[in-house]
């Protein structure tokens, strides 16, 4: 075996994309060495097809062929001169950082209710149809009562909801339907009210315990009766036992 022809990873060039392996990178390096433009173009299409076979998960990605062509130019260090059906990327475009997203800064007037409720209130005040305006008011009152019950144990009266709604809207909105929201239930009561499989298991275990206790009592009674019978039999045998002279 000739050791001189063996290749080690330490002597090879840098592997740009490990997803495609060393062989794809060698094929692209072979494309760079071709001088015939048509032959280089045909081989580039063949390499693109092979890259698609090696990574079938890219087919689920939108414009996966565009991504394959970008990877082809990236592995060639942007030195490959072939015609691409997509815009040819550059080193600057691929390594450019995206612009930072601006954080939405909204300052609600009523921080305990949030900005969304303020938007709904503004839409309700701008509504001219009385039926839709009344529907907005009922929906806002329902949300306010729901938010109150989520953070408080005691129930809130409708007058308190109407007073706060009048304070928020300047007395321009009034709800007609009483918002029905379930009251707060502690965790202890929830376990009792749920019932279901847990209660069935407890009842079943109690039945098994009763059966086991009954069996143990029957066994103990049978043992006691057997002992008493044996004692009586022994006494009777001794009473009528013949004496030997």
Protein backbone atom coordinates (compact mmCIF):
# COMPACT_ATOMS: atom_id res chain seq x y z
CA UNK A 1 0.00 0.00 0.00
CA UNK A 2 1.34 3.39 -1.04
CA UNK A 3 1.13 5.76 1.90
CA UNK A 4 2.21 8.80 -0.11
CA UNK A 5 -1.13 8.93 -2.01
CA UNK A 6 -3.25 8.94 1.17
CA UNK A 7 -5.04 12.17 2.07
CA UNK A 8 -5.69 13.42 5.56
CA UNK A 9 -8.14 16.08 6.66
CA UNK A 10 -5.26 18.13 8.01
CA UNK A 11 -3.76 18.41 4.52
CA UNK A 12 -7.05 19.16 2.72
CA UNK A 13 -8.51 22.58 2.16
CA UNK A 14 -11.33 23.95 4.28
CA UNK A 15 -14.72 22.27 3.82
CA UNK A 16 -17.08 25.17 3.17
CA UNK A 17 -20.43 23.40 3.64
CA UNK A 18 -20.45 20.08 5.48
CA UNK A 19 -24.01 19.36 4.37
CA UNK A 20 -22.79 18.51 0.86
CA UNK A 21 -19.55 16.76 1.73
CA UNK A 22 -16.07 16.70 0.26
CA UNK A 23 -17.02 15.19 -3.11
CA UNK A 24 -19.38 18.05 -4.05
CA UNK A 25 -16.68 20.55 -3.18
CA UNK A 26 -14.19 18.69 -5.38
CA UNK A 27 -16.69 18.73 -8.26
CA UNK A 28 -17.12 22.48 -7.91
CA UNK A 29 -13.33 22.88 -7.85
CA UNK A 30 -13.25 20.86 -11.07
CA UNK A 31 -15.78 23.29 -12.57
CA UNK A 32 -13.41 26.14 -11.81
CA UNK A 33 -10.68 24.39 -13.77
CA UNK A 34 -12.80 24.01 -16.94
CA UNK A 35 -12.10 26.53 -19.66
CA UNK A 36 -14.94 25.56 -22.01
CA UNK A 37 -17.95 27.69 -21.07
CA UNK A 38 -20.61 25.30 -22.41
CA UNK A 39 -19.08 22.27 -20.73
CA UNK A 40 -18.78 24.20 -17.47
CA UNK A 41 -22.45 25.20 -17.71
CA UNK A 42 -23.63 21.60 -18.31
CA UNK A 43 -21.59 20.30 -15.42
CA UNK A 44 -22.93 23.07 -13.18
CA UNK A 45 -26.52 21.91 -13.85
CA UNK A 46 -25.45 18.32 -13.09
CA UNK A 47 -23.90 19.40 -9.78
CA UNK A 48 -27.10 21.28 -8.88
CA UNK A 49 -29.16 18.13 -9.47
CA UNK A 50 -26.78 16.08 -7.33
CA UNK A 51 -26.92 18.66 -4.54
CA UNK A 52 -30.73 18.40 -4.60
CA UNK A 53 -30.55 14.58 -4.28
CA UNK A 54 -28.17 14.80 -1.33
CA UNK A 55 -30.46 17.22 0.52
CA UNK A 56 -34.10 16.23 -0.17
CA UNK A 57 -35.33 18.27 2.80
CA UNK A 58 -34.66 21.44 0.80
CA UNK A 59 -37.51 20.52 -1.54
CA UNK A 60 -39.97 21.53 1.17
CA UNK A 61 -38.35 24.96 1.35
CA UNK A 62 -39.74 27.69 -0.85
CA UNK A 63 -37.45 28.41 -3.85
CA UNK A 64 -35.17 25.53 -2.93
CA UNK A 65 -33.42 25.69 -6.34
CA UNK A 66 -32.56 29.30 -5.67
CA UNK A 67 -30.96 28.16 -2.42
CA UNK A 68 -28.98 25.45 -4.24
CA UNK A 69 -27.56 27.97 -6.72
CA UNK A 70 -26.58 30.26 -3.85
CA UNK A 71 -24.79 27.35 -2.16
CA UNK A 72 -23.01 26.55 -5.43
CA UNK A 73 -21.52 30.04 -5.65
CA UNK A 74 -20.75 30.04 -1.94
CA UNK A 75 -18.74 26.79 -2.13
CA UNK A 76 -16.82 28.14 -5.17
CA UNK A 77 -15.90 31.24 -3.14
CA UNK A 78 -17.88 33.33 -5.67
CA UNK A 79 -15.31 32.56 -8.40
CA UNK A 80 -17.49 30.34 -10.60
CA UNK A 81 -18.52 32.01 -13.86
CA UNK A 82 -21.73 30.31 -15.05
CA UNK A 83 -25.15 31.56 -16.07
CA UNK A 84 -27.68 31.27 -13.24
CA UNK A 85 -31.47 31.48 -13.54
CA UNK A 86 -31.44 33.56 -10.35
CA UNK A 87 -29.54 36.69 -9.32
CA UNK A 88 -25.92 35.79 -8.65
CA UNK A 89 -25.09 36.49 -5.00
CA UNK A 90 -22.00 38.24 -3.80
CA UNK A 91 -19.93 37.97 -0.68
CA UNK A 92 -21.36 41.20 0.66
CA UNK A 93 -25.01 40.19 0.20
CA UNK A 94 -24.66 36.81 1.90
CA UNK A 95 -22.64 38.10 4.84
CA UNK A 96 -24.63 41.28 5.34
CA UNK A 97 -26.42 41.54 8.67
CA UNK A 98 -30.16 42.13 8.68
CA UNK A 99 -31.46 45.43 9.89
CA UNK A 100 -32.56 45.46 13.53
CA UNK A 101 -36.30 45.28 14.05
CA UNK A 102 -37.82 48.25 15.75
CA UNK A 103 -39.50 47.33 19.02
CA UNK A 104 -43.12 48.49 19.10
CA UNK A 105 -43.38 51.20 21.72
CA UNK A 106 -46.98 51.75 22.66
CA UNK A 107 -47.89 53.67 25.75
CA UNK A 108 -51.44 52.79 26.79
CA UNK A 109 -53.44 55.28 28.78
CA UNK A 110 -54.86 52.48 30.93
CA UNK A 111 -51.89 50.22 31.66
CA UNK A 112 -53.90 47.70 33.67
CA UNK A 113 -56.20 47.10 30.67
CA UNK A 114 -53.57 47.14 27.93
CA UNK A 115 -53.27 48.82 24.55
CA UNK A 116 -55.65 46.46 22.72
CA UNK A 117 -58.60 47.45 24.89
CA UNK A 118 -57.79 51.09 24.22
CA UNK A 119 -57.88 50.41 20.46
CA UNK A 120 -61.27 48.68 20.78
CA UNK A 121 -62.62 51.59 22.84
CA UNK A 122 -61.49 54.07 20.19
CA UNK A 123 -63.22 52.00 17.49
CA UNK A 124 -66.38 51.85 19.58
CA UNK A 125 -66.38 55.62 20.08
CA UNK A 126 -65.89 56.17 16.35
CA UNK A 127 -68.79 53.84 15.45
CA UNK A 128 -71.97 55.61 14.40
CA UNK A 129 -74.28 52.60 14.18
CA UNK A 130 -76.02 52.29 17.59
CA UNK A 131 -76.34 48.49 17.40
CA UNK A 132 -72.64 47.98 16.65
CA UNK A 133 -71.75 50.56 19.27
CA UNK A 134 -73.80 48.67 21.85
CA UNK A 135 -72.11 45.41 20.79
CA UNK A 136 -68.70 47.02 21.30
CA UNK A 137 -69.73 48.16 24.76
CA UNK A 138 -70.93 44.68 25.76
CA UNK A 139 -67.72 43.07 24.48
CA UNK A 140 -65.56 45.61 26.34
CA UNK A 141 -67.49 45.07 29.56
CA UNK A 142 -67.15 41.29 29.24
CA UNK A 143 -63.38 41.58 28.75
CA UNK A 144 -63.04 43.93 31.71
CA UNK A 145 -64.91 41.55 34.00
CA UNK A 146 -62.92 38.58 32.70
CA UNK A 147 -59.62 40.38 33.36
CA UNK A 148 -60.78 41.32 36.85
CA UNK A 149 -61.72 37.73 37.75
CA UNK A 150 -58.40 36.43 36.50
CA UNK A 151 -56.49 38.48 39.05
CA UNK A 152 -58.95 38.69 41.97
CA UNK A 153 -60.62 35.98 44.04
CA UNK A 154 -63.78 37.89 44.85
CA UNK A 155 -66.43 38.58 42.25
CA UNK A 156 -66.94 42.09 40.91
CA UNK A 157 -70.33 43.79 40.62
CA UNK A 158 -71.60 45.15 37.31
CA UNK A 159 -71.83 48.64 38.79
CA UNK A 160 -68.07 48.67 39.35
CA UNK A 161 -67.49 47.62 35.72
CA UNK A 162 -69.86 50.33 34.47
CA UNK A 163 -68.21 52.95 36.67
CA UNK A 164 -64.75 52.12 35.33
CA UNK A 165 -66.05 51.96 31.75
CA UNK A 166 -67.61 55.38 32.16
CA UNK A 167 -64.32 56.67 33.53
CA UNK A 168 -62.39 55.26 30.56
CA UNK A 169 -64.79 56.54 27.91
CA UNK A 170 -65.97 59.72 29.60
CA UNK A 171 -69.49 58.33 30.02
CA UNK A 172 -69.98 57.71 26.28
CA UNK A 173 -70.35 53.91 26.46
CA UNK A 174 -72.83 51.88 28.49
CA UNK A 175 -73.36 48.14 28.27
CA UNK A 176 -76.81 46.57 28.39
CA UNK A 177 -76.15 42.83 28.72
CA UNK A 178 -74.83 41.58 32.02
CA UNK A 179 -71.43 39.96 31.28
CA UNK A 180 -71.51 36.42 32.63
CA UNK A 181 -68.08 35.26 33.82
CA UNK A 182 -67.50 32.22 36.02
CA UNK A 183 -66.31 33.14 39.48
CA UNK A 184 -62.95 32.15 40.89
CA UNK A 185 -62.68 28.61 42.25
CA UNK A 186 -59.80 27.58 44.50
CA UNK A 187 -57.71 24.59 43.56
CA UNK A 188 -59.12 22.52 46.40
CA UNK A 189 -62.66 22.87 45.16
CA UNK A 190 -61.60 22.16 41.59
CA UNK A 191 -60.25 18.74 42.50
CA UNK A 192 -63.50 17.86 44.26
CA UNK A 193 -65.74 19.20 41.51
CA UNK A 194 -63.85 17.54 38.69
CA UNK A 195 -64.31 14.02 39.93
CA UNK A 196 -63.81 11.67 37.01
CA UNK A 197 -61.11 9.04 36.94
CA UNK A 198 -59.49 10.02 40.23
CA UNK A 199 -62.69 9.49 42.24
CA UNK A 200 -63.34 6.24 40.42
CA UNK A 201 -59.89 4.96 41.40
CA UNK A 202 -60.43 5.94 45.03
CA UNK A 203 -63.79 4.17 45.18
CA UNK A 204 -62.31 1.14 43.52
CA UNK A 205 -59.45 1.00 46.00
CA UNK A 206 -61.90 1.28 48.88
CA UNK A 207 -63.86 -1.69 47.51
CA UNK A 208 -60.70 -3.77 47.25
CA UNK A 209 -59.73 -2.83 50.80
CA UNK A 210 -63.15 -3.87 52.10
CA UNK A 211 -62.91 -7.19 50.28
CA UNK A 212 -59.45 -7.87 51.67
CA UNK A 213 -60.61 -7.01 55.18
CA UNK A 214 -63.59 -9.36 54.87
CA UNK A 215 -61.37 -12.15 53.61
CA UNK A 216 -58.92 -11.68 56.46
CA UNK A 217 -61.77 -11.71 58.99
CA UNK A 218 -63.17 -14.93 57.48
CA UNK A 219 -59.77 -16.58 57.60
CA UNK A 220 -59.27 -15.59 61.22
CA UNK A 221 -62.73 -16.90 62.16
CA UNK A 222 -62.08 -20.20 60.39
CA UNK A 223 -58.78 -20.62 62.18
CA UNK A 224 -60.37 -19.89 65.55
CA UNK A 225 -63.17 -22.40 64.93
CA UNK A 226 -60.70 -25.09 63.88
CA UNK A 227 -58.67 -24.57 67.05
CA UNK A 228 -61.76 -24.78 69.27
CA UNK A 229 -62.90 -27.98 67.56
CA UNK A 230 -59.50 -29.57 68.00
CA UNK A 231 -59.48 -28.71 71.70
CA UNK A 232 -62.95 -30.15 72.24
CA UNK A 233 -62.04 -33.32 70.41
CA UNK A 234 -58.94 -33.75 72.51
CA UNK A 235 -60.95 -33.30 75.73
CA UNK A 236 -63.57 -35.83 74.67
CA UNK A 237 -60.91 -38.38 73.74
CA UNK A 238 -59.24 -38.06 77.11
CA UNK A 239 -62.56 -38.49 78.95
CA UNK A 240 -63.40 -41.87 77.44
CA UNK A 241 -59.86 -43.16 77.27
CA UNK A 242 -59.42 -46.66 78.76
CA UNK A 243 -57.04 -47.22 81.59
CA UNK A 244 -54.47 -49.93 81.37
CA UNK A 245 -53.55 -51.94 84.48
